[in-house]
Amino acid sequence: MLVIDFIISLSLTTGYIYGLPEHKLKIPNSENVPDPCDPSKLVKSIGHLNYDGGGPLNPFGSDFESKRSWSVLCPLDSDGDGFTNGQELGDPKCQWKIGDIPERTFNITHPGVCTPVNSEMCKHQVICNINIQRNCRFTEFSTSMLAFGTILIVILTLLKFISNTEVKYRYEHGVWPATCCPALPYDKPGFSWDI
């Protein structure tokens, strides 16, 4: 029962940690966006400040939330780095439709983060240090769901403990009646305690 309680609470705590995968289908090259601070890694969620998803939205995520249409979102420069979202995501002519292969699938940059991070336009924003710190912390929602899951486990465990008949009987009447074993020593043919 305790294992089931743990699994339930774990599923509650992890349900909203990552960005919504269906949004990736509405954006070209959304699976190929490199981390601006570590290009060897790909960003899991281009709409959130936390690259793993969840938590506050970055400028691109805010624009996506309000526009919900690539044709409207494409010509914007969400992060203010001088490149349109379409240029950064391989659709400079803003002609991409869901299911199409984008015009360009290489040299993709992050539309929600000023890039390149060390350029004159972007270096004052201290992007990488902020993201390193942010990636080391849970988002507020994740933290609250983790606390909720822990409290739920404690409550369910207490309910199981309280509903236990033996514990209830001992609390109300004292010692549980001897139903298991006769008092020792006892005599049994062929058996002796004095060996």
Protein backbone atom coordinates (compact mmCIF):
# COMPACT_ATOMS: atom_id res chain seq x y z
CA MET A 1 0.00 0.00 0.00
CA LEU A 2 2.83 2.40 0.83
CA VAL A 3 4.38 1.75 -2.58
CA ILE A 4 1.09 2.60 -4.29
CA ASP A 5 0.84 5.79 -2.21
CA PHE A 6 4.37 6.73 -3.28
CA ILE A 7 3.67 6.08 -6.97
CA ILE A 8 0.50 8.18 -6.86
CA SER A 9 2.24 11.10 -5.19
CA LEU A 10 5.24 10.83 -7.53
CA SER A 11 2.96 11.00 -10.55
CA LEU A 12 1.30 14.08 -9.07
CA THR A 13 4.63 15.79 -8.49
CA THR A 14 6.11 15.17 -11.93
CA GLY A 15 3.08 15.84 -14.09
CA TYR A 16 3.86 19.46 -14.85
CA ILE A 17 7.64 19.65 -14.71
CA TYR A 18 8.22 19.52 -18.47
CA GLY A 19 6.93 21.76 -21.24
CA LEU A 20 3.96 20.58 -23.27
CA PRO A 21 5.20 18.39 -26.15
CA GLU A 22 2.25 19.22 -28.41
CA HIS A 23 3.51 22.83 -28.59
CA LYS A 24 6.74 21.61 -30.21
CA LEU A 25 4.75 20.39 -33.22
CA LYS A 26 3.61 23.97 -33.89
CA ILE A 27 7.16 25.37 -34.14
CA PRO A 28 9.78 24.51 -36.81
CA ASN A 29 13.02 22.90 -35.60
CA SER A 30 11.78 22.96 -32.01
CA GLU A 31 13.63 19.68 -31.35
CA ASN A 32 16.93 21.05 -32.71
CA VAL A 33 17.48 24.21 -30.67
CA PRO A 34 20.92 24.17 -29.02
CA ASP A 35 21.44 25.47 -25.51
CA PRO A 36 22.93 28.96 -26.02
CA CYS A 37 25.33 28.40 -23.10
CA ASP A 38 26.32 24.82 -23.99
CA PRO A 39 25.80 24.12 -27.73
CA SER A 40 26.54 20.41 -27.21
CA LYS A 41 23.12 20.11 -25.52
CA LEU A 42 19.66 20.62 -26.97
CA VAL A 43 16.97 22.64 -25.22
CA LYS A 44 13.92 20.57 -24.23
CA SER A 45 11.58 23.54 -23.93
CA ILE A 46 12.22 26.70 -25.96
CA GLY A 47 9.33 28.58 -24.34
CA HIS A 48 10.55 28.46 -20.72
CA LEU A 49 13.41 30.10 -18.85
CA ASN A 50 14.23 26.64 -17.53
CA TYR A 51 15.45 24.77 -20.63
CA ASP A 52 14.07 21.50 -19.22
CA GLY A 53 10.57 23.01 -19.21
CA GLY A 54 8.16 24.26 -16.61
CA GLY A 55 8.26 27.46 -14.63
CA PRO A 56 8.20 31.02 -15.99
CA LEU A 57 8.06 31.66 -19.72
CA ASN A 58 10.83 33.40 -21.65
CA PRO A 59 9.91 36.15 -24.19
CA PHE A 60 9.34 33.59 -26.97
CA GLY A 61 7.11 31.50 -24.68
CA SER A 62 5.08 34.59 -23.76
CA ASP A 63 4.64 35.50 -27.43
CA PHE A 64 3.68 31.91 -28.26
CA GLU A 65 1.15 31.85 -25.43
CA SER A 66 -0.55 35.00 -26.71
CA LYS A 67 -0.30 34.33 -30.49
CA ARG A 68 -0.55 30.50 -30.79
CA SER A 69 0.10 30.75 -34.53
CA TRP A 70 3.47 30.30 -36.23
CA SER A 71 2.52 32.67 -39.08
CA VAL A 72 1.99 35.46 -36.52
CA LEU A 73 4.94 34.45 -34.31
CA CYS A 74 7.48 33.96 -37.13
CA PRO A 75 8.16 37.63 -38.10
CA LEU A 76 8.54 38.74 -34.46
CA ASP A 77 11.90 39.13 -32.71
CA SER A 78 10.81 37.82 -29.30
CA ASP A 79 14.24 37.96 -27.65
CA GLY A 80 15.30 41.31 -29.14
CA ASP A 81 18.58 40.06 -30.63
CA GLY A 82 17.95 41.46 -34.12
CA PHE A 83 16.83 38.18 -35.71
CA THR A 84 13.21 37.18 -36.29
CA ASN A 85 11.90 33.99 -34.72
CA GLY A 86 11.72 32.56 -38.25
CA GLN A 87 15.36 33.37 -38.97
CA GLU A 88 16.42 31.76 -35.70
CA LEU A 89 14.36 28.60 -36.25
CA GLY A 90 15.18 28.01 -39.94
CA ASP A 91 12.08 29.57 -41.52
CA PRO A 92 13.27 33.03 -42.66
CA LYS A 93 10.44 33.46 -45.20
CA CYS A 94 7.78 32.42 -42.65
CA GLN A 95 6.32 29.80 -45.00
CA TRP A 96 6.61 26.73 -42.74
CA LYS A 97 3.45 24.75 -41.94
CA ILE A 98 2.97 21.94 -39.42
CA GLY A 99 4.39 18.71 -40.88
CA ASP A 100 6.72 20.49 -43.36
CA ILE A 101 10.49 20.29 -43.26
CA PRO A 102 11.83 23.77 -42.47
CA GLU A 103 13.85 25.62 -45.12
CA ARG A 104 16.95 25.32 -42.89
CA THR A 105 17.66 22.63 -40.27
CA PHE A 106 21.17 23.72 -39.27
CA ASN A 107 22.56 26.84 -37.53
CA ILE A 108 19.40 27.05 -35.43
CA THR A 109 19.45 29.54 -32.55
CA HIS A 110 17.20 30.04 -29.53
CA PRO A 111 14.28 32.42 -30.25
CA GLY A 112 13.68 33.18 -26.55
CA VAL A 113 17.27 34.01 -25.57
CA CYS A 114 19.43 36.80 -26.97
CA THR A 115 22.07 35.01 -29.08
CA PRO A 116 24.95 34.79 -29.55
CA VAL A 117 25.27 35.25 -25.80
CA ASN A 118 28.71 36.87 -26.03
CA SER A 119 27.74 39.43 -28.72
CA GLU A 120 27.67 43.16 -27.94
CA MET A 121 23.87 43.12 -28.00
CA CYS A 122 23.51 40.16 -25.61
CA LYS A 123 26.49 40.02 -23.24
CA HIS A 124 25.00 42.57 -20.81
CA GLN A 125 22.13 40.15 -20.11
CA VAL A 126 24.32 37.55 -18.28
CA ILE A 127 22.23 34.74 -19.74
CA CYS A 128 24.40 31.72 -18.97
CA ASN A 129 24.99 32.43 -15.28
CA ILE A 130 21.26 32.91 -14.72
CA ASN A 131 20.39 29.67 -16.51
CA ILE A 132 23.04 27.67 -14.63
CA GLN A 133 21.53 28.85 -11.35
CA ARG A 134 17.98 28.28 -12.58
CA ASN A 135 18.70 24.72 -13.74
CA CYS A 136 19.92 23.83 -10.24
CA ARG A 137 16.59 24.69 -8.63
CA PHE A 138 13.09 23.28 -8.79
CA THR A 139 10.47 25.58 -10.19
CA GLU A 140 7.99 26.93 -7.66
CA PHE A 141 5.25 24.67 -9.02
CA SER A 142 7.44 21.57 -8.83
CA THR A 143 8.44 22.39 -5.28
CA SER A 144 4.84 22.85 -4.20
CA MET A 145 3.78 19.61 -5.92
CA LEU A 146 6.65 17.77 -4.21
CA ALA A 147 5.51 19.14 -0.84
CA PHE A 148 1.92 18.17 -1.64
CA GLY A 149 3.01 14.64 -2.57
CA THR A 150 5.00 14.26 0.65
CA ILE A 151 2.05 15.44 2.75
CA LEU A 152 -0.23 13.06 0.84
CA ILE A 153 2.07 10.12 1.61
CA VAL A 154 2.12 11.01 5.32
CA ILE A 155 -1.68 11.35 5.47
CA LEU A 156 -2.30 8.07 3.63
CA THR A 157 0.21 6.26 5.86
CA LEU A 158 -1.47 7.65 8.99
CA LEU A 159 -4.90 6.64 7.71
CA LYS A 160 -3.65 3.13 7.06
CA PHE A 161 -2.06 2.99 10.53
CA ILE A 162 -5.20 4.31 12.25
CA SER A 163 -7.46 1.87 10.42
CA ASN A 164 -5.34 -1.09 11.60
CA THR A 165 -7.58 -3.18 13.93
CA GLU A 166 -4.81 -4.36 16.22
CA VAL A 167 -3.54 -0.82 16.80
CA LYS A 168 -7.09 0.40 17.42
CA TYR A 169 -7.77 -2.45 19.90
CA ARG A 170 -4.52 -1.84 21.80
CA TYR A 171 -5.32 1.85 22.05
CA GLU A 172 -8.84 1.21 23.39
CA HIS A 173 -8.35 -1.99 25.48
CA GLY A 174 -4.67 -2.47 26.18
CA VAL A 175 -2.86 -5.66 25.15
CA TRP A 176 -4.13 -7.58 22.14
CA PRO A 177 -5.64 -10.92 23.27
CA ALA A 178 -3.30 -13.90 23.00
CA THR A 179 -4.50 -15.60 19.85
CA CYS A 180 -1.19 -16.62 18.40
CA CYS A 181 0.89 -18.56 20.82
CA PRO A 182 0.33 -20.40 24.09
CA ALA A 183 2.36 -19.29 27.07
CA LEU A 184 5.83 -20.77 27.22
CA PRO A 185 7.06 -23.23 28.34
CA TYR A 186 4.53 -25.84 27.40
CA ASP A 187 4.74 -29.59 27.32
CA LYS A 188 4.55 -31.44 24.08
CA PRO A 189 5.20 -35.19 23.80
CA GLY A 190 8.78 -35.79 22.72
CA PHE A 191 9.85 -32.18 23.26
CA SER A 192 11.58 -30.70 26.24
CA TRP A 193 12.76 -27.15 26.96
CA ASP A 194 15.44 -28.42 29.32
CA ILE A 195 18.02 -29.74 26.89
